PDB file of all heavy atoms in Angstrom:
ATOM      1  N   GLY A   1      41.660  10.572  -6.479  1.00  0.00           N
ATOM      2  CA  GLY A   1      42.415  10.700  -5.247  1.00  0.00           C
ATOM      3  C   GLY A   1      42.183  12.041  -4.586  1.00  0.00           C
ATOM      4  O   GLY A   1      41.592  12.948  -5.168  1.00  0.00           O
ATOM      5  N   MET A   2      42.659  12.143  -3.367  1.00  0.00           N
ATOM      6  CA  MET A   2      42.583  13.392  -2.631  1.00  0.00           C
ATOM      7  C   MET A   2      43.827  13.490  -1.752  1.00  0.00           C
ATOM      8  O   MET A   2      44.498  12.491  -1.479  1.00  0.00           O
ATOM      9  CB  MET A   2      41.328  13.460  -1.765  1.00  0.00           C
ATOM     10  CG  MET A   2      41.259  12.410  -0.673  1.00  0.00           C
ATOM     11  SD  MET A   2      39.992  12.756   0.561  1.00  0.00           S
ATOM     12  CE  MET A   2      40.688  14.222   1.348  1.00  0.00           C
ATOM     13  N   GLY A   3      44.145  14.689  -1.321  1.00  0.00           N
ATOM     14  CA  GLY A   3      45.287  14.896  -0.449  1.00  0.00           C
ATOM     15  C   GLY A   3      44.933  15.839   0.679  1.00  0.00           C
ATOM     16  O   GLY A   3      43.804  16.330   0.779  1.00  0.00           O
ATOM     17  N   ASP A   4      45.895  16.073   1.541  1.00  0.00           N
ATOM     18  CA  ASP A   4      45.727  17.037   2.621  1.00  0.00           C
ATOM     19  C   ASP A   4      47.109  17.528   2.999  1.00  0.00           C
ATOM     20  O   ASP A   4      48.119  16.998   2.538  1.00  0.00           O
ATOM     21  CB  ASP A   4      45.020  16.407   3.819  1.00  0.00           C
ATOM     22  CG  ASP A   4      45.865  15.318   4.464  1.00  0.00           C
ATOM     23  OD1 ASP A   4      46.720  15.658   5.306  1.00  0.00           O
ATOM     24  OD2 ASP A   4      45.680  14.131   4.120  1.00  0.00           O
ATOM     25  N   LEU A   5      47.180  18.522   3.842  1.00  0.00           N
ATOM     26  CA  LEU A   5      48.463  19.113   4.215  1.00  0.00           C
ATOM     27  C   LEU A   5      48.751  19.018   5.705  1.00  0.00           C
ATOM     28  O   LEU A   5      49.754  19.542   6.180  1.00  0.00           O
ATOM     29  CB  LEU A   5      48.496  20.588   3.780  1.00  0.00           C
ATOM     30  CG  LEU A   5      48.404  20.846   2.283  1.00  0.00           C
ATOM     31  CD1 LEU A   5      48.323  22.348   2.008  1.00  0.00           C
ATOM     32  CD2 LEU A   5      49.577  20.224   1.544  1.00  0.00           C
ATOM     33  N   ALA A   6      47.886  18.334   6.446  1.00  0.00           N
ATOM     34  CA  ALA A   6      48.010  18.314   7.901  1.00  0.00           C
ATOM     35  C   ALA A   6      49.155  17.418   8.373  1.00  0.00           C
ATOM     36  O   ALA A   6      49.523  16.446   7.715  1.00  0.00           O
ATOM     37  CB  ALA A   6      46.703  17.844   8.536  1.00  0.00           C
ATOM     38  N   ALA A   7      49.715  17.752   9.527  1.00  0.00           N
ATOM     39  CA  ALA A   7      50.680  16.882  10.200  1.00  0.00           C
ATOM     40  C   ALA A   7      49.928  15.774  10.935  1.00  0.00           C
ATOM     41  O   ALA A   7      48.705  15.841  11.111  1.00  0.00           O
ATOM     42  CB  ALA A   7      51.501  17.693  11.192  1.00  0.00           C
ATOM     43  N   ILE A   8      50.648  14.751  11.383  1.00  0.00           N
ATOM     44  CA  ILE A   8      49.975  13.613  12.008  1.00  0.00           C
ATOM     45  C   ILE A   8      49.217  14.035  13.269  1.00  0.00           C
ATOM     46  O   ILE A   8      48.119  13.530  13.537  1.00  0.00           O
ATOM     47  CB  ILE A   8      50.968  12.467  12.307  1.00  0.00           C
ATOM     48  CG1 ILE A   8      50.195  11.207  12.696  1.00  0.00           C
ATOM     49  CG2 ILE A   8      51.995  12.886  13.366  1.00  0.00           C
ATOM     50  CD1 ILE A   8      51.036   9.953  12.671  1.00  0.00           C
ATOM     51  N   GLU A   9      49.771  15.001  14.015  1.00  0.00           N
ATOM     52  CA  GLU A   9      49.081  15.439  15.233  1.00  0.00           C
ATOM     53  C   GLU A   9      47.741  16.102  14.937  1.00  0.00           C
ATOM     54  O   GLU A   9      46.857  16.125  15.797  1.00  0.00           O
ATOM     55  CB  GLU A   9      49.971  16.429  16.014  1.00  0.00           C
ATOM     56  CG  GLU A   9      51.249  15.825  16.545  1.00  0.00           C
ATOM     57  CD  GLU A   9      52.401  15.910  15.551  1.00  0.00           C
ATOM     58  OE1 GLU A   9      52.164  16.198  14.346  1.00  0.00           O
ATOM     59  OE2 GLU A   9      53.547  15.686  15.974  1.00  0.00           O
ATOM     60  N   ASP A  10      47.606  16.639  13.741  1.00  0.00           N
ATOM     61  CA  ASP A  10      46.395  17.361  13.367  1.00  0.00           C
ATOM     62  C   ASP A  10      45.484  16.565  12.436  1.00  0.00           C
ATOM     63  O   ASP A  10      44.490  17.089  11.941  1.00  0.00           O
ATOM     64  CB  ASP A  10      46.778  18.681  12.686  1.00  0.00           C
ATOM     65  CG  ASP A  10      47.631  19.565  13.579  1.00  0.00           C
ATOM     66  OD1 ASP A  10      47.303  19.668  14.771  1.00  0.00           O
ATOM     67  OD2 ASP A  10      48.637  20.113  13.088  1.00  0.00           O
ATOM     68  N   THR A  11      45.828  15.298  12.190  1.00  0.00           N
ATOM     69  CA  THR A  11      45.021  14.446  11.319  1.00  0.00           C
ATOM     70  C   THR A  11      44.054  13.636  12.160  1.00  0.00           C
ATOM     71  O   THR A  11      44.465  12.801  12.983  1.00  0.00           O
ATOM     72  CB  THR A  11      45.924  13.490  10.504  1.00  0.00           C
ATOM     73  OG1 THR A  11      46.820  14.256   9.693  1.00  0.00           O
ATOM     74  CG2 THR A  11      45.084  12.580   9.617  1.00  0.00           C
ATOM     75  N   SER A  12      42.775  13.876  11.982  1.00  0.00           N
ATOM     76  CA  SER A  12      41.774  13.126  12.740  1.00  0.00           C
ATOM     77  C   SER A  12      41.598  11.735  12.124  1.00  0.00           C
ATOM     78  O   SER A  12      41.953  11.495  10.969  1.00  0.00           O
ATOM     79  CB  SER A  12      40.431  13.858  12.713  1.00  0.00           C
ATOM     80  OG  SER A  12      39.883  13.847  11.396  1.00  0.00           O
ATOM     81  N   LEU A  13      41.030  10.833  12.904  1.00  0.00           N
ATOM     82  CA  LEU A  13      40.751   9.495  12.387  1.00  0.00           C
ATOM     83  C   LEU A  13      39.779   9.573  11.213  1.00  0.00           C
ATOM     84  O   LEU A  13      39.912   8.825  10.235  1.00  0.00           O
ATOM     85  CB  LEU A  13      40.183   8.611  13.498  1.00  0.00           C
ATOM     86  CG  LEU A  13      39.831   7.168  13.095  1.00  0.00           C
ATOM     87  CD1 LEU A  13      41.060   6.437  12.564  1.00  0.00           C
ATOM     88  CD2 LEU A  13      39.219   6.423  14.279  1.00  0.00           C
ATOM     89  N   GLU A  14      38.830  10.490  11.301  1.00  0.00           N
ATOM     90  CA  GLU A  14      37.873  10.661  10.202  1.00  0.00           C
ATOM     91  C   GLU A  14      38.580  11.079   8.914  1.00  0.00           C
ATOM     92  O   GLU A  14      38.313  10.546   7.832  1.00  0.00           O
ATOM     93  CB  GLU A  14      36.824  11.702  10.590  1.00  0.00           C
ATOM     94  CG  GLU A  14      35.771  11.943   9.512  1.00  0.00           C
ATOM     95  CD  GLU A  14      34.777  13.015   9.902  1.00  0.00           C
ATOM     96  OE1 GLU A  14      34.997  13.715  10.911  1.00  0.00           O
ATOM     97  OE2 GLU A  14      33.755  13.170   9.186  1.00  0.00           O
ATOM     98  N   ASP A  15      39.497  12.043   9.030  1.00  0.00           N
ATOM     99  CA  ASP A  15      40.249  12.494   7.855  1.00  0.00           C
ATOM    100  C   ASP A  15      41.130  11.371   7.310  1.00  0.00           C
ATOM    101  O   ASP A  15      41.248  11.186   6.090  1.00  0.00           O
ATOM    102  CB  ASP A  15      41.113  13.701   8.206  1.00  0.00           C
ATOM    103  CG  ASP A  15      40.293  14.957   8.467  1.00  0.00           C
ATOM    104  OD1 ASP A  15      39.117  14.994   8.026  1.00  0.00           O
ATOM    105  OD2 ASP A  15      40.811  15.889   9.097  1.00  0.00           O
ATOM    106  N   TRP A  16      41.788  10.640   8.210  1.00  0.00           N
ATOM    107  CA  TRP A  16      42.624   9.510   7.801  1.00  0.00           C
ATOM    108  C   TRP A  16      41.799   8.493   7.006  1.00  0.00           C
ATOM    109  O   TRP A  16      42.179   8.079   5.913  1.00  0.00           O
ATOM    110  CB  TRP A  16      43.237   8.857   9.036  1.00  0.00           C
ATOM    111  CG  TRP A  16      43.902   7.535   8.778  1.00  0.00           C
ATOM    112  CD1 TRP A  16      43.312   6.301   8.759  1.00  0.00           C
ATOM    113  CD2 TRP A  16      45.295   7.308   8.506  1.00  0.00           C
ATOM    114  NE1 TRP A  16      44.237   5.325   8.488  1.00  0.00           N
ATOM    115  CE2 TRP A  16      45.455   5.916   8.323  1.00  0.00           C
ATOM    116  CE3 TRP A  16      46.408   8.148   8.400  1.00  0.00           C
ATOM    117  CZ2 TRP A  16      46.697   5.335   8.046  1.00  0.00           C
ATOM    118  CZ3 TRP A  16      47.648   7.573   8.123  1.00  0.00           C
ATOM    119  CH2 TRP A  16      47.785   6.192   7.943  1.00  0.00           C
ATOM    120  N   ASN A  17      40.657   8.094   7.565  1.00  0.00           N
ATOM    121  CA  ASN A  17      39.831   7.076   6.916  1.00  0.00           C
ATOM    122  C   ASN A  17      39.294   7.539   5.570  1.00  0.00           C
ATOM    123  O   ASN A  17      39.180   6.746   4.630  1.00  0.00           O
ATOM    124  CB  ASN A  17      38.677   6.677   7.838  1.00  0.00           C
ATOM    125  CG  ASN A  17      39.129   5.809   8.998  1.00  0.00           C
ATOM    126  OD1 ASN A  17      40.171   5.153   8.924  1.00  0.00           O
ATOM    127  ND2 ASN A  17      38.356   5.798  10.070  1.00  0.00           N
ATOM    128  N   ARG A  18      38.980   8.823   5.471  1.00  0.00           N
ATOM    129  CA  ARG A  18      38.467   9.346   4.197  1.00  0.00           C
ATOM    130  C   ARG A  18      39.538   9.280   3.114  1.00  0.00           C
ATOM    131  O   ARG A  18      39.285   8.852   1.987  1.00  0.00           O
ATOM    132  CB  ARG A  18      37.979  10.780   4.377  1.00  0.00           C
ATOM    133  CG  ARG A  18      37.406  11.398   3.093  1.00  0.00           C
ATOM    134  CD  ARG A  18      36.624  12.655   3.398  1.00  0.00           C
ATOM    135  NE  ARG A  18      36.085  13.233   2.171  1.00  0.00           N
ATOM    136  CZ  ARG A  18      36.605  14.284   1.548  1.00  0.00           C
ATOM    137  NH1 ARG A  18      37.680  14.881   2.041  1.00  0.00           N
ATOM    138  NH2 ARG A  18      36.049  14.747   0.451  1.00  0.00           N
ATOM    139  N   THR A  19      40.758   9.719   3.442  1.00  0.00           N
ATOM    140  CA  THR A  19      41.842   9.681   2.462  1.00  0.00           C
ATOM    141  C   THR A  19      42.187   8.253   2.081  1.00  0.00           C
ATOM    142  O   THR A  19      42.346   7.940   0.886  1.00  0.00           O
ATOM    143  CB  THR A  19      43.084  10.401   3.017  1.00  0.00           C
ATOM    144  OG1 THR A  19      42.761  11.763   3.293  1.00  0.00           O
ATOM    145  CG2 THR A  19      44.226  10.358   2.014  1.00  0.00           C
ATOM    146  N   ILE A  20      42.301   7.370   3.059  1.00  0.00           N
ATOM    147  CA  ILE A  20      42.601   5.965   2.774  1.00  0.00           C
ATOM    148  C   ILE A  20      41.478   5.345   1.942  1.00  0.00           C
ATOM    149  O   ILE A  20      41.732   4.573   1.000  1.00  0.00           O
ATOM    150  CB  ILE A  20      42.791   5.169   4.085  1.00  0.00           C
ATOM    151  CG1 ILE A  20      44.017   5.684   4.859  1.00  0.00           C
ATOM    152  CG2 ILE A  20      42.911   3.674   3.800  1.00  0.00           C
ATOM    153  CD1 ILE A  20      45.340   5.475   4.159  1.00  0.00           C
ATOM    154  N   GLY A  21      40.238   5.696   2.253  1.00  0.00           N
ATOM    155  CA  GLY A  21      39.098   5.134   1.530  1.00  0.00           C
ATOM    156  C   GLY A  21      39.125   5.462   0.049  1.00  0.00           C
ATOM    157  O   GLY A  21      38.807   4.619  -0.801  1.00  0.00           O
ATOM    158  N   ILE A  22      39.509   6.686  -0.276  1.00  0.00           N
ATOM    159  CA  ILE A  22      39.534   7.111  -1.671  1.00  0.00           C
ATOM    160  C   ILE A  22      40.827   6.687  -2.356  1.00  0.00           C
ATOM    161  O   ILE A  22      40.809   6.078  -3.441  1.00  0.00           O
ATOM    162  CB  ILE A  22      39.352   8.639  -1.759  1.00  0.00           C
ATOM    163  CG1 ILE A  22      37.954   9.032  -1.283  1.00  0.00           C
ATOM    164  CG2 ILE A  22      39.595   9.134  -3.185  1.00  0.00           C
ATOM    165  CD1 ILE A  22      37.749  10.521  -1.108  1.00  0.00           C
ATOM    166  N   ASP A  23      41.967   6.986  -1.737  1.00  0.00           N
ATOM    167  CA  ASP A  23      43.254   6.812  -2.401  1.00  0.00           C
ATOM    168  C   ASP A  23      43.750   5.370  -2.411  1.00  0.00           C
ATOM    169  O   ASP A  23      44.521   4.988  -3.298  1.00  0.00           O
ATOM    170  CB  ASP A  23      44.315   7.685  -1.725  1.00  0.00           C
ATOM    171  CG  ASP A  23      44.076   9.170  -1.946  1.00  0.00           C
ATOM    172  OD1 ASP A  23      43.090   9.528  -2.604  1.00  0.00           O
ATOM    173  OD2 ASP A  23      44.886   9.981  -1.463  1.00  0.00           O
ATOM    174  N   GLN A  24      43.349   4.594  -1.427  1.00  0.00           N
ATOM    175  CA  GLN A  24      43.850   3.219  -1.313  1.00  0.00           C
ATOM    176  C   GLN A  24      42.742   2.192  -1.528  1.00  0.00           C
ATOM    177  O   GLN A  24      42.835   1.358  -2.431  1.00  0.00           O
ATOM    178  CB  GLN A  24      44.484   3.007   0.064  1.00  0.00           C
ATOM    179  CG  GLN A  24      44.971   1.591   0.324  1.00  0.00           C
ATOM    180  CD  GLN A  24      45.629   1.451   1.680  1.00  0.00           C
ATOM    181  OE1 GLN A  24      46.217   2.388   2.212  1.00  0.00           O
ATOM    182  NE2 GLN A  24      45.547   0.273   2.269  1.00  0.00           N
ATOM    183  N   THR A  25      41.689   2.265  -0.719  1.00  0.00           N
ATOM    184  CA  THR A  25      40.614   1.283  -0.844  1.00  0.00           C
ATOM    185  C   THR A  25      39.949   1.370  -2.209  1.00  0.00           C
ATOM    186  O   THR A  25      39.554   0.343  -2.784  1.00  0.00           O
ATOM    187  CB  THR A  25      39.577   1.470   0.278  1.00  0.00           C
ATOM    188  OG1 THR A  25      40.243   1.432   1.540  1.00  0.00           O
ATOM    189  CG2 THR A  25      38.514   0.401   0.221  1.00  0.00           C
ATOM    190  N   GLY A  26      39.845   2.574  -2.758  1.00  0.00           N
ATOM    191  CA  GLY A  26      39.247   2.730  -4.085  1.00  0.00           C
ATOM    192  C   GLY A  26      39.999   1.962  -5.151  1.00  0.00           C
ATOM    193  O   GLY A  26      39.395   1.410  -6.082  1.00  0.00           O
ATOM    194  N   VAL A  27      41.321   1.905  -5.040  1.00  0.00           N
ATOM    195  CA  VAL A  27      42.135   1.157  -5.998  1.00  0.00           C
ATOM    196  C   VAL A  27      41.913  -0.343  -5.837  1.00  0.00           C
ATOM    197  O   VAL A  27      41.771  -1.089  -6.812  1.00  0.00           O
ATOM    198  CB  VAL A  27      43.624   1.519  -5.825  1.00  0.00           C
ATOM    199  CG1 VAL A  27      44.511   0.662  -6.722  1.00  0.00           C
ATOM    200  CG2 VAL A  27      43.839   3.005  -6.119  1.00  0.00           C
ATOM    201  N   PHE A  28      41.881  -0.801  -4.598  1.00  0.00           N
ATOM    202  CA  PHE A  28      41.579  -2.212  -4.306  1.00  0.00           C
ATOM    203  C   PHE A  28      40.228  -2.610  -4.890  1.00  0.00           C
ATOM    204  O   PHE A  28      40.102  -3.637  -5.587  1.00  0.00           O
ATOM    205  CB  PHE A  28      41.607  -2.441  -2.796  1.00  0.00           C
ATOM    206  CG  PHE A  28      40.820  -3.628  -2.329  1.00  0.00           C
ATOM    207  CD1 PHE A  28      41.292  -4.918  -2.528  1.00  0.00           C
ATOM    208  CD2 PHE A  28      39.592  -3.460  -1.695  1.00  0.00           C
ATOM    209  CE1 PHE A  28      40.550  -6.018  -2.099  1.00  0.00           C
ATOM    210  CE2 PHE A  28      38.853  -4.548  -1.268  1.00  0.00           C
ATOM    211  CZ  PHE A  28      39.332  -5.837  -1.475  1.00  0.00           C
ATOM    212  N   LEU A  29      39.205  -1.804  -4.624  1.00  0.00           N
ATOM    213  CA  LEU A  29      37.865  -2.137  -5.104  1.00  0.00           C
ATOM    214  C   LEU A  29      37.810  -2.149  -6.627  1.00  0.00           C
ATOM    215  O   LEU A  29      37.161  -3.025  -7.229  1.00  0.00           O
ATOM    216  CB  LEU A  29      36.849  -1.136  -4.553  1.00  0.00           C
ATOM    217  CG  LEU A  29      36.575  -1.190  -3.042  1.00  0.00           C
ATOM    218  CD1 LEU A  29      35.694  -0.012  -2.619  1.00  0.00           C
ATOM    219  CD2 LEU A  29      35.931  -2.512  -2.646  1.00  0.00           C
ATOM    220  N   GLY A  30      38.485  -1.181  -7.252  1.00  0.00           N
ATOM    221  CA  GLY A  30      38.475  -1.129  -8.711  1.00  0.00           C
ATOM    222  C   GLY A  30      39.035  -2.393  -9.332  1.00  0.00           C
ATOM    223  O   GLY A  30      38.444  -2.979 -10.246  1.00  0.00           O
ATOM    224  N   MET A  31      40.187  -2.829  -8.845  1.00  0.00           N
ATOM    225  CA  MET A  31      40.789  -4.038  -9.410  1.00  0.00           C
ATOM    226  C   MET A  31      39.964  -5.284  -9.078  1.00  0.00           C
ATOM    227  O   MET A  31      39.807  -6.180  -9.908  1.00  0.00           O
ATOM    228  CB  MET A  31      42.230  -4.176  -8.931  1.00  0.00           C
ATOM    229  CG  MET A  31      43.151  -3.119  -9.527  1.00  0.00           C
ATOM    230  SD  MET A  31      44.906  -3.442  -9.241  1.00  0.00           S
ATOM    231  CE  MET A  31      45.029  -3.072  -7.481  1.00  0.00           C
ATOM    232  N   LYS A  32      39.438  -5.332  -7.869  1.00  0.00           N
ATOM    233  CA  LYS A  32      38.634  -6.489  -7.466  1.00  0.00           C
ATOM    234  C   LYS A  32      37.410  -6.672  -8.366  1.00  0.00           C
ATOM    235  O   LYS A  32      37.153  -7.768  -8.877  1.00  0.00           O
ATOM    236  CB  LYS A  32      38.191  -6.337  -6.010  1.00  0.00           C
ATOM    237  CG  LYS A  32      37.286  -7.461  -5.504  1.00  0.00           C
ATOM    238  CD  LYS A  32      36.929  -7.255  -4.044  1.00  0.00           C
ATOM    239  CE  LYS A  32      35.926  -8.312  -3.556  1.00  0.00           C
ATOM    240  NZ  LYS A  32      36.488  -9.689  -3.609  1.00  0.00           N
ATOM    241  N   PHE A  33      36.670  -5.592  -8.583  1.00  0.00           N
ATOM    242  CA  PHE A  33      35.406  -5.739  -9.296  1.00  0.00           C
ATOM    243  C   PHE A  33      35.535  -5.624 -10.814  1.00  0.00           C
ATOM    244  O   PHE A  33      34.620  -5.988 -11.540  1.00  0.00           O
ATOM    245  CB  PHE A  33      34.379  -4.745  -8.741  1.00  0.00           C
ATOM    246  CG  PHE A  33      33.937  -5.112  -7.358  1.00  0.00           C
ATOM    247  CD1 PHE A  33      34.346  -4.380  -6.257  1.00  0.00           C
ATOM    248  CD2 PHE A  33      33.156  -6.236  -7.143  1.00  0.00           C
ATOM    249  CE1 PHE A  33      33.976  -4.742  -4.980  1.00  0.00           C
ATOM    250  CE2 PHE A  33      32.774  -6.619  -5.862  1.00  0.00           C
ATOM    251  CZ  PHE A  33      33.185  -5.875  -4.772  1.00  0.00           C
ATOM    252  N   ALA A  34      36.695  -5.174 -11.295  1.00  0.00           N
ATOM    253  CA  ALA A  34      36.938  -5.169 -12.733  1.00  0.00           C
ATOM    254  C   ALA A  34      37.672  -6.418 -13.198  1.00  0.00           C
ATOM    255  O   ALA A  34      37.877  -6.613 -14.402  1.00  0.00           O
ATOM    256  CB  ALA A  34      37.750  -3.931 -13.129  1.00  0.00           C
TER     257      ALA A  34
END
């Protein structure tokens, strides 16, 4: 996982997608393929 300290006004779409990709989508993919 990864985290950040930014407020929503300072969170770019790129940063949002990166965090979601690792912290959320990574869990989905792990369970799906295992």
